[in-house]
Amino acid sequence: MITTTAPDFEVGIIGGGPAGAALAGYLAKSGLSCVVFERELMPRPHVGESFVPATTRVLRELDFIDEMEKAKFPHKYGAVWTANSNSQAYHHEWEDLPLDNFTDIRFDEREQEGVDRRYTYHVDRGRFDCMFLQHANKLGAEVYEGVRVGKVDLDADPTPRIYFKMGRKEMSVSVNMVVDCSGRQTLLGNQLRLKVMDPCFNQFSYHTWFDHYDRSNDRADDKGDYIYVHFLPITSSWIWQIPITDTVTSIGVVTQRQHFPKDAKGREAFFWNCIETRPDLCEKLRKADRIRPFKEEGDYSYSMSQICGDRFMLVGDAGRFVDPIFSSGVSIAMNSARTASHDILKAAAKGDWTKPNFEYFEKRMRNGTRNWYEFIKCYYRLNVLFTMFIQDPRYRLDVLQLLQGDVWDENEPPVLKKMRGIVASVEQNPNHVWHKLLGNLTAETMKPNY
């Protein structure tokens, strides 16, 4: 007589950030047993403080929208891009459309299926992540904080095992499925040697919080709570401005590796040197109070040669991270968890955990992240083109669709093909008024990566 021992949990999730918490919430809500191992003790600070509207679907489906409102996270109605008024880019016209150094867009200009409000949210990630993980626990997920996973044995008999420490004690659990939601730690991706560093993007960021920064703007008094992207004169560099509370604002400088100083003292000086290139921002920021130490993020663009296989998946940043320019990280994390739950529940119902059961997840994630990637490549190659497409009524809603996070269902939104064509024409014409404005991504990188 053959006897089989059931695993400790159906699904083991490594990481309790937005991807892990969302996935645990979906699985637990559907009655599937799952466990989450989060290496930090919540709350902990984390970069990535602004959502896009596509996250609303996940928050609604997991019955978390009311908690967002109770927490009074700032509402985010849209986005603004600014440049110096004397920037050479803004002394030219494109197809009879005058250029402007202040470009804005509202999310409610385009309806989104499953999104029932005109806004999304800015968040204190420490607070949000803690609340969201606690919510997954309330839905029925087993959650362990302060527990660092050491390794995963996918070939353990009869089912995979996840190894970790409780204090000094070595422990493990058996599961039918392992899902890596460890973010940029990419635990399973590193263990399986799947990680591929991106040859195109090499951005670094340096950021902190300021209290009492004046977010008002002469061009738009009603847009103080939008997310702002302030272009810098340094190639492929910009400043983010994200409201955290009524008075606290996250400010970060993003630049390429070659511009980023090697020592900490030089980085702070570099931060202020960048700010000083935007006198309109610098004066107000100097009057504000910095309330957190500076933090840096770097070498954060990568992909995985494989995002799923027999009994495993890589979800959210654990499977792919491109660049923070359009605040896509949390949306991709939560929506990839949503998609992953679809296939995991299907596999559990069949009792079959092999890779063919995860084809929907793989195709959807590859399509979505590729679309983001192509969009961001066009942006960095020619910043001014992006703002022109926003201002042009022929393309405005197509670009807004991408900014809202609706990138998953199409093989390629037509607007991306149009953008690449214009970039190519500028590259090939040294006399084009925008040619000298091209970023230093090469023409080769502008080819589709699929």
Protein backbone atom coordinates (compact mmCIF):
# COMPACT_ATOMS: atom_id res chain seq x y z
CA MET A 1 0.00 0.00 0.00
CA ILE A 2 1.42 3.40 -1.03
CA THR A 3 0.86 6.34 1.26
CA THR A 4 1.51 9.96 0.41
CA THR A 5 2.20 12.76 2.83
CA ALA A 6 0.56 16.09 2.12
CA PRO A 7 2.93 19.07 2.06
CA ASP A 8 2.88 21.58 4.90
CA PHE A 9 1.41 24.20 2.54
CA GLU A 10 0.20 24.20 -1.02
CA VAL A 11 2.20 27.35 -1.88
CA GLY A 12 5.28 28.89 -0.27
CA ILE A 13 5.85 32.59 -0.99
CA ILE A 14 9.25 34.21 -0.46
CA GLY A 15 8.82 37.92 0.29
CA GLY A 16 5.97 39.88 1.85
CA GLY A 17 6.06 43.07 -0.22
CA PRO A 18 3.19 44.08 -2.53
CA ALA A 19 3.69 41.07 -4.84
CA GLY A 20 3.88 38.50 -2.05
CA ALA A 21 1.05 40.03 -0.04
CA ALA A 22 -1.22 40.32 -3.09
CA LEU A 23 -0.56 36.73 -4.16
CA ALA A 24 -1.10 35.44 -0.62
CA GLY A 25 -4.33 37.42 -0.44
CA TYR A 26 -5.69 35.97 -3.68
CA LEU A 27 -4.74 32.38 -2.77
CA ALA A 28 -5.98 32.56 0.81
CA LYS A 29 -9.23 34.21 -0.24
CA SER A 30 -9.78 31.25 -2.60
CA GLY A 31 -9.13 28.75 0.17
CA LEU A 32 -5.65 27.60 -0.83
CA SER A 33 -3.15 27.16 2.01
CA CYS A 34 -0.09 29.37 1.66
CA VAL A 35 2.77 30.67 3.77
CA VAL A 36 4.71 33.93 3.38
CA PHE A 37 8.30 34.40 4.59
CA GLU A 38 9.31 38.06 4.89
CA ARG A 39 12.90 38.66 5.92
CA GLU A 40 12.26 42.11 7.42
CA LEU A 41 10.15 43.12 10.39
CA MET A 42 7.34 45.37 9.21
CA PRO A 43 7.08 48.28 8.86
CA ARG A 44 10.31 49.00 7.00
CA PRO A 45 11.04 51.90 4.62
CA HIS A 46 11.01 51.14 0.92
CA VAL A 47 11.36 53.09 -2.29
CA GLY A 48 8.55 53.04 -4.87
CA GLU A 49 5.95 55.25 -3.25
CA SER A 50 3.55 56.00 -6.09
CA PHE A 51 0.93 53.77 -7.72
CA VAL A 52 -0.64 53.72 -11.18
CA PRO A 53 -4.41 53.18 -11.58
CA ALA A 54 -4.14 49.51 -12.61
CA THR A 55 -3.39 48.68 -8.96
CA THR A 56 -6.98 49.65 -8.11
CA ARG A 57 -8.28 46.39 -9.56
CA VAL A 58 -6.14 44.38 -7.17
CA LEU A 59 -7.01 46.52 -4.16
CA ARG A 60 -10.72 46.17 -4.93
CA GLU A 61 -10.62 42.42 -5.55
CA LEU A 62 -8.81 41.87 -2.26
CA ASP A 63 -11.29 44.11 -0.37
CA PHE A 64 -8.55 46.58 0.56
CA ILE A 65 -9.81 49.82 -0.99
CA ASP A 66 -11.67 50.88 2.15
CA GLU A 67 -8.45 50.40 4.15
CA MET A 68 -6.61 52.67 1.71
CA GLU A 69 -9.19 55.38 2.26
CA LYS A 70 -9.17 54.96 6.05
CA ALA A 71 -5.38 55.32 6.01
CA LYS A 72 -5.79 58.64 4.17
CA PHE A 73 -3.02 57.97 1.67
CA PRO A 74 -2.77 60.97 -0.70
CA HIS A 75 -4.88 60.68 -3.83
CA LYS A 76 -2.93 60.79 -7.09
CA TYR A 77 -4.99 62.24 -9.95
CA GLY A 78 -2.29 62.49 -12.59
CA ALA A 79 1.29 63.26 -13.52
CA VAL A 80 3.35 66.30 -14.55
CA TRP A 81 6.64 66.57 -16.46
CA THR A 82 8.66 69.79 -16.31
CA ALA A 83 11.86 71.19 -17.79
CA ASN A 84 13.83 74.41 -17.45
CA SER A 85 12.06 77.22 -19.27
CA ASN A 86 15.27 77.96 -21.20
CA SER A 87 15.81 74.36 -22.29
CA GLN A 88 16.83 74.24 -25.96
CA ALA A 89 14.35 71.41 -26.54
CA TYR A 90 11.45 73.76 -26.04
CA HIS A 91 12.32 76.28 -28.73
CA HIS A 92 11.12 74.06 -31.56
CA GLU A 93 7.79 72.89 -32.87
CA TRP A 94 6.68 69.44 -33.98
CA GLU A 95 4.02 69.11 -36.68
CA ASP A 96 2.60 72.57 -35.82
CA LEU A 97 2.33 71.63 -32.15
CA PRO A 98 4.16 74.18 -29.95
CA LEU A 99 6.44 72.64 -27.35
CA ASP A 100 5.89 73.35 -23.70
CA ASN A 101 8.16 72.87 -20.68
CA PHE A 102 5.17 71.87 -18.53
CA THR A 103 3.20 68.80 -19.55
CA ASP A 104 0.46 67.17 -17.48
CA ILE A 105 -2.08 64.39 -17.81
CA ARG A 106 -5.10 63.29 -15.75
CA PHE A 107 -5.93 59.63 -15.24
CA ASP A 108 -9.67 60.24 -15.64
CA GLU A 109 -9.24 61.26 -19.29
CA ARG A 110 -9.50 57.56 -20.20
CA GLU A 111 -11.89 55.04 -18.69
CA GLN A 112 -10.39 51.82 -17.34
CA GLU A 113 -12.26 48.57 -16.94
CA GLY A 114 -12.36 47.55 -13.29
CA VAL A 115 -11.16 50.97 -12.07
CA ASP A 116 -13.95 52.81 -10.28
CA ARG A 117 -12.28 56.08 -9.29
CA ARG A 118 -10.51 59.03 -10.87
CA TYR A 119 -7.35 58.61 -8.83
CA THR A 120 -4.83 56.16 -7.48
CA TYR A 121 -2.54 56.66 -4.46
CA HIS A 122 0.82 57.84 -3.19
CA VAL A 123 1.92 55.83 -0.16
CA ASP A 124 4.41 55.58 2.64
CA ARG A 125 5.63 52.14 1.57
CA GLY A 126 6.59 51.14 5.08
CA ARG A 127 3.06 51.73 6.24
CA PHE A 128 1.31 50.38 3.14
CA ASP A 129 3.37 47.19 2.90
CA CYS A 130 2.76 46.44 6.57
CA MET A 131 -0.99 46.98 6.24
CA PHE A 132 -1.23 44.94 3.03
CA LEU A 133 0.69 41.98 4.47
CA GLN A 134 -1.45 42.05 7.61
CA HIS A 135 -4.51 42.00 5.37
CA ALA A 136 -3.25 38.86 3.60
CA ASN A 137 -2.89 37.27 7.03
CA LYS A 138 -6.47 38.22 7.91
CA LEU A 139 -7.62 36.57 4.70
CA GLY A 140 -6.02 33.33 5.87
CA ALA A 141 -2.40 33.34 4.73
CA GLU A 142 0.24 32.18 7.22
CA VAL A 143 2.78 35.01 7.57
CA TYR A 144 6.22 34.98 9.18
CA GLU A 145 8.16 38.24 9.48
CA GLY A 146 11.84 38.52 10.30
CA VAL A 147 12.47 35.12 8.70
CA ARG A 148 15.12 34.96 5.99
CA VAL A 149 14.88 32.13 3.48
CA GLY A 150 18.27 30.58 2.82
CA LYS A 151 17.58 28.30 -0.11
CA VAL A 152 14.96 26.33 -1.98
CA ASP A 153 15.21 22.68 -2.99
CA LEU A 154 12.89 22.24 -5.96
CA ASP A 155 13.97 18.62 -6.37
CA ALA A 156 13.19 17.49 -2.83
CA ASP A 157 11.16 14.31 -2.57
CA PRO A 158 8.19 14.28 -2.79
CA THR A 159 7.70 18.07 -3.03
CA PRO A 160 9.93 21.18 -2.91
CA ARG A 161 11.26 22.42 0.43
CA ILE A 162 11.98 25.98 1.57
CA TYR A 163 14.81 26.30 4.10
CA PHE A 164 15.05 29.12 6.65
CA LYS A 165 16.13 29.92 10.19
CA MET A 166 13.98 30.58 13.25
CA GLY A 167 16.50 32.21 15.54
CA ARG A 168 19.44 29.80 15.41
CA LYS A 169 17.34 26.80 14.47
CA GLU A 170 17.46 25.51 10.90
CA MET A 171 13.97 24.71 9.67
CA SER A 172 12.12 23.92 6.46
CA VAL A 173 8.61 23.47 5.10
CA SER A 174 7.36 21.38 2.21
CA VAL A 175 5.16 22.94 -0.46
CA ASN A 176 3.69 22.01 -3.81
CA MET A 177 4.71 25.34 -5.36
CA VAL A 178 7.40 27.95 -4.63
CA VAL A 179 6.80 31.56 -5.65
CA ASP A 180 9.67 34.02 -5.41
CA CYS A 181 8.34 37.48 -4.51
CA SER A 182 11.61 38.59 -2.91
CA GLY A 183 11.86 41.76 -4.99
CA ARG A 184 15.27 42.85 -6.14
CA GLN A 185 16.85 40.27 -3.83
CA THR A 186 15.76 37.77 -6.54
CA LEU A 187 16.52 34.82 -4.26
CA LEU A 188 15.37 32.01 -6.53
CA GLY A 189 16.51 33.75 -9.70
CA ASN A 190 20.01 34.01 -8.25
CA GLN A 191 19.97 30.44 -6.93
CA LEU A 192 18.92 29.06 -10.33
CA ARG A 193 21.28 31.46 -12.15
CA LEU A 194 18.49 32.94 -14.23
CA LYS A 195 19.34 36.61 -13.72
CA VAL A 196 20.46 38.69 -16.70
CA MET A 197 21.64 42.25 -16.05
CA ASP A 198 20.17 44.74 -18.47
CA PRO A 199 22.66 45.99 -21.12
CA CYS A 200 20.60 49.12 -21.80
CA PHE A 201 19.70 50.73 -18.46
CA ASN A 202 22.24 51.42 -15.74
CA GLN A 203 20.39 53.96 -13.64
CA PHE A 204 21.12 54.91 -10.02
CA SER A 205 18.92 56.89 -7.67
CA TYR A 206 19.60 58.97 -4.55
CA HIS A 207 16.56 59.95 -2.51
CA THR A 208 15.15 61.16 0.79
CA TRP A 209 12.09 62.78 2.40
CA PHE A 210 11.54 66.48 3.06
CA ASP A 211 8.96 68.08 5.34
CA HIS A 212 7.28 71.39 4.49
CA TYR A 213 8.44 71.43 0.87
CA ASP A 214 6.21 73.83 -1.06
CA ARG A 215 4.59 71.72 -3.78
CA SER A 216 2.61 74.59 -5.31
CA ASN A 217 3.23 75.46 -8.93
CA ASP A 218 2.50 78.68 -10.79
CA ARG A 219 1.31 76.69 -13.80
CA ALA A 220 -1.12 74.47 -11.89
CA ASP A 221 -2.16 75.31 -8.35
CA ASP A 222 -4.54 72.33 -8.34
CA LYS A 223 -1.83 69.77 -9.17
CA GLY A 224 0.32 69.86 -6.06
CA ASP A 225 -0.55 66.24 -5.27
CA TYR A 226 0.30 64.90 -8.73
CA ILE A 227 3.52 62.98 -9.22
CA TYR A 228 6.16 65.24 -10.81
CA VAL A 229 9.05 64.29 -13.04
CA HIS A 230 11.49 67.18 -13.41
CA PHE A 231 13.92 66.78 -16.30
CA LEU A 232 17.60 67.54 -15.67
CA PRO A 233 20.15 68.82 -18.19
CA ILE A 234 22.30 65.72 -17.56
CA THR A 235 21.59 62.95 -20.09
CA SER A 236 18.86 60.49 -19.01
CA SER A 237 18.55 62.12 -15.60
CA TRP A 238 15.52 63.42 -13.71
CA ILE A 239 14.04 64.27 -10.31
CA TRP A 240 10.96 62.63 -8.82
CA GLN A 241 8.57 64.50 -6.53
CA ILE A 242 6.01 62.33 -4.70
CA PRO A 243 3.64 63.47 -1.93
CA ILE A 244 3.75 61.16 1.10
CA THR A 245 1.51 63.15 3.47
CA ASP A 246 0.05 66.65 3.47
CA THR A 247 3.49 68.04 4.31
CA VAL A 248 6.04 65.29 3.57
CA THR A 249 7.44 64.84 0.05
CA SER A 250 9.75 62.19 -1.37
CA ILE A 251 12.46 63.68 -3.59
CA GLY A 252 14.88 61.57 -5.60
CA VAL A 253 17.47 62.11 -8.30
CA VAL A 254 17.89 59.41 -10.95
CA THR A 255 20.93 59.35 -13.21
CA GLN A 256 23.21 56.99 -15.11
CA ARG A 257 26.07 55.11 -13.49
CA GLN A 258 28.78 57.22 -15.10
CA HIS A 259 27.40 60.37 -13.44
CA PHE A 260 26.91 58.80 -9.99
CA PRO A 261 29.74 59.59 -7.51
CA LYS A 262 31.48 56.64 -5.86
CA ASP A 263 31.61 58.01 -2.29
CA ALA A 264 28.69 58.97 -0.04
CA LYS A 265 29.86 62.55 0.50
CA GLY A 266 30.12 63.10 -3.23
CA ARG A 267 26.62 61.70 -3.74
CA GLU A 268 24.99 64.22 -1.45
CA ALA A 269 26.85 67.03 -3.21
CA PHE A 270 25.76 65.57 -6.55
CA PHE A 271 22.13 65.53 -5.36
CA TRP A 272 22.22 69.23 -4.55
CA ASN A 273 24.14 70.07 -7.72
CA CYS A 274 21.33 68.44 -9.70
CA ILE A 275 18.69 70.29 -7.72
CA GLU A 276 20.49 73.59 -8.35
CA THR A 277 20.10 73.13 -12.12
CA ARG A 278 16.39 73.68 -11.44
CA PRO A 279 16.35 77.00 -9.53
CA ASP A 280 12.56 76.89 -9.27
CA LEU A 281 12.85 73.71 -7.20
CA CYS A 282 16.07 74.45 -5.37
CA GLU A 283 14.88 77.57 -3.59
CA LYS A 284 11.86 75.76 -2.15
CA LEU A 285 13.77 72.62 -1.25
CA ARG A 286 16.46 74.54 0.61
CA LYS A 287 13.72 75.96 2.84
CA ALA A 288 12.32 72.50 3.63
CA ASP A 289 13.49 70.11 6.37
CA ARG A 290 15.12 66.83 5.43
CA ILE A 291 13.66 64.21 7.78
CA ARG A 292 15.30 61.00 6.56
CA PRO A 293 18.86 59.99 5.69
CA PHE A 294 19.71 59.82 2.03
CA LYS A 295 19.39 56.35 0.47
CA GLU A 296 20.68 55.01 -2.81
CA GLU A 297 19.47 52.38 -5.24
CA GLY A 298 21.59 51.10 -8.09
CA ASP A 299 22.17 48.43 -10.71
CA TYR A 300 18.48 47.71 -10.62
CA SER A 301 17.66 46.86 -14.23
CA TYR A 302 17.58 43.15 -15.03
CA SER A 303 15.50 40.36 -16.48
CA MET A 304 15.29 36.59 -15.98
CA SER A 305 15.95 33.98 -18.65
CA GLN A 306 13.01 32.04 -17.19
CA ILE A 307 10.14 33.32 -15.01
CA CYS A 308 8.40 30.02 -14.32
CA GLY A 309 9.02 26.29 -14.42
CA ASP A 310 7.89 23.07 -12.82
CA ARG A 311 6.67 24.06 -9.33
CA PHE A 312 8.05 27.60 -9.33
CA MET A 313 7.32 31.18 -10.42
CA LEU A 314 9.14 34.51 -10.20
CA VAL A 315 6.64 37.30 -9.54
CA GLY A 316 7.02 41.09 -9.45
CA ASP A 317 10.52 42.53 -9.15
CA ALA A 318 11.84 39.00 -8.52
CA GLY A 319 11.14 38.29 -12.17
CA ARG A 320 11.87 41.63 -13.86
CA PHE A 321 12.76 45.21 -13.05
CA VAL A 322 13.32 47.93 -15.63
CA ASP A 323 13.31 51.48 -14.28
CA PRO A 324 11.24 53.61 -11.86
CA ILE A 325 10.44 56.43 -14.30
CA PHE A 326 6.68 55.79 -14.62
CA SER A 327 6.10 54.31 -11.14
CA SER A 328 5.42 50.93 -12.73
CA GLY A 329 7.09 48.72 -10.10
CA VAL A 330 4.26 48.25 -7.59
CA SER A 331 1.66 47.93 -10.34
CA ILE A 332 3.66 45.22 -12.13
CA ALA A 333 4.20 43.46 -8.79
CA MET A 334 0.52 43.43 -7.83
CA ASN A 335 -0.81 42.67 -11.30
CA SER A 336 1.69 39.87 -11.84
CA ALA A 337 0.53 38.42 -8.51
CA ARG A 338 -3.05 38.68 -9.77
CA THR A 339 -2.13 36.79 -12.94
CA ALA A 340 0.00 34.25 -11.05
CA SER A 341 -2.92 33.44 -8.75
CA HIS A 342 -5.05 32.56 -11.79
CA ASP A 343 -2.62 29.87 -12.93
CA ILE A 344 -1.73 28.63 -9.45
CA LEU A 345 -5.38 28.05 -8.54
CA LYS A 346 -5.87 26.23 -11.84
CA ALA A 347 -2.81 24.05 -11.19
CA ALA A 348 -3.99 23.28 -7.66
CA ALA A 349 -7.41 22.21 -8.92
CA LYS A 350 -5.76 19.81 -11.38
CA GLY A 351 -3.04 18.67 -9.01
CA ASP A 352 -0.53 19.40 -11.76
CA TRP A 353 2.26 21.88 -10.95
CA THR A 354 4.28 21.60 -14.16
CA LYS A 355 5.29 24.56 -16.29
CA PRO A 356 2.65 24.17 -19.06
CA ASN A 357 0.02 25.17 -16.49
CA PHE A 358 1.62 28.60 -16.16
CA GLU A 359 1.51 29.64 -19.82
CA TYR A 360 -1.07 32.40 -19.22
CA PHE A 361 1.14 33.94 -16.53
CA GLU A 362 4.28 33.70 -18.63
CA LYS A 363 2.76 35.17 -21.81
CA ARG A 364 0.98 37.99 -20.01
CA MET A 365 4.04 38.97 -17.96
CA ARG A 366 6.39 38.84 -20.94
CA ASN A 367 4.03 41.01 -22.98
CA GLY A 368 3.41 43.55 -20.23
CA THR A 369 6.99 44.03 -19.11
CA ARG A 370 8.17 44.16 -22.74
CA ASN A 371 5.71 46.96 -23.47
CA TRP A 372 6.94 48.90 -20.44
CA TYR A 373 10.52 48.31 -21.55
CA GLU A 374 9.95 49.59 -25.07
CA PHE A 375 8.08 52.60 -23.73
CA ILE A 376 10.89 53.52 -21.35
CA LYS A 377 13.56 53.04 -24.01
CA CYS A 378 11.80 55.58 -26.22
CA TYR A 379 11.53 57.92 -23.26
CA TYR A 380 15.23 57.82 -22.44
CA ARG A 381 16.32 58.01 -26.05
CA LEU A 382 14.35 61.20 -26.68
CA ASN A 383 12.61 62.78 -23.68
CA VAL A 384 10.99 65.54 -25.69
CA LEU A 385 9.24 63.00 -27.92
CA PHE A 386 7.38 61.61 -24.91
CA THR A 387 5.98 65.00 -23.90
CA MET A 388 5.04 65.69 -27.50
CA PHE A 389 2.99 62.51 -27.70
CA ILE A 390 1.17 63.48 -24.52
CA GLN A 391 0.29 66.88 -25.95
CA ASP A 392 -0.78 65.52 -29.33
CA PRO A 393 -4.51 64.57 -29.25
CA ARG A 394 -3.82 61.77 -31.77
CA TYR A 395 -1.67 59.88 -29.28
CA ARG A 396 -2.57 61.27 -25.86
CA LEU A 397 -4.98 58.52 -24.80
CA ASP A 398 -2.70 55.77 -26.14
CA VAL A 399 0.14 57.07 -23.98
CA LEU A 400 -2.25 57.46 -21.06
CA GLN A 401 -3.20 53.79 -21.40
CA LEU A 402 0.43 52.88 -20.75
CA LEU A 403 0.73 55.33 -17.86
CA GLN A 404 -2.42 53.84 -16.30
CA GLY A 405 -0.76 50.42 -16.32
CA ASP A 406 -2.97 48.82 -19.01
CA VAL A 407 -0.19 47.08 -20.92
CA TRP A 408 -0.93 43.40 -20.45
CA ASP A 409 -3.32 42.29 -23.18
CA GLU A 410 -1.79 43.68 -26.36
CA ASN A 411 1.29 42.32 -28.09
CA GLU A 412 2.38 45.89 -28.70
CA PRO A 413 0.37 49.11 -28.41
CA PRO A 414 0.54 50.87 -31.84
CA VAL A 415 1.81 54.07 -30.23
CA LEU A 416 5.11 52.35 -29.39
CA LYS A 417 5.74 51.51 -33.04
CA LYS A 418 5.06 55.13 -33.95
CA MET A 419 7.45 56.38 -31.25
CA ARG A 420 10.23 54.07 -32.40
CA GLY A 421 9.77 55.23 -35.99
CA ILE A 422 10.14 58.88 -35.04
CA VAL A 423 13.21 58.14 -32.90
CA ALA A 424 14.76 56.32 -35.87
CA SER A 425 14.10 59.27 -38.19
CA VAL A 426 15.76 61.64 -35.71
CA GLU A 427 18.74 59.30 -35.32
CA GLN A 428 19.24 59.06 -39.08
CA ASN A 429 19.07 62.80 -39.71
CA PRO A 430 21.97 64.73 -38.11
CA ASN A 431 20.30 67.98 -39.19
CA HIS A 432 17.07 67.27 -37.34
CA VAL A 433 16.44 69.91 -34.66
CA TRP A 434 16.11 67.13 -32.08
CA HIS A 435 19.17 65.12 -33.12
CA LYS A 436 21.43 66.74 -30.53
CA LEU A 437 18.79 65.99 -27.87
CA LEU A 438 19.08 62.22 -28.29
CA GLY A 439 20.04 60.34 -25.14
CA ASN A 440 23.01 58.01 -25.27
CA LEU A 441 21.05 54.81 -25.76
CA THR A 442 22.27 53.48 -29.08
CA ALA A 443 20.20 52.79 -32.16
CA GLU A 444 20.74 49.08 -31.52
CA THR A 445 18.96 49.26 -28.18
CA MET A 446 15.92 50.76 -29.88
CA LYS A 447 15.25 47.50 -31.71
CA PRO A 448 12.46 45.41 -30.14
CA ASN A 449 13.85 42.97 -27.56
CA TYR A 450 11.66 40.07 -28.68
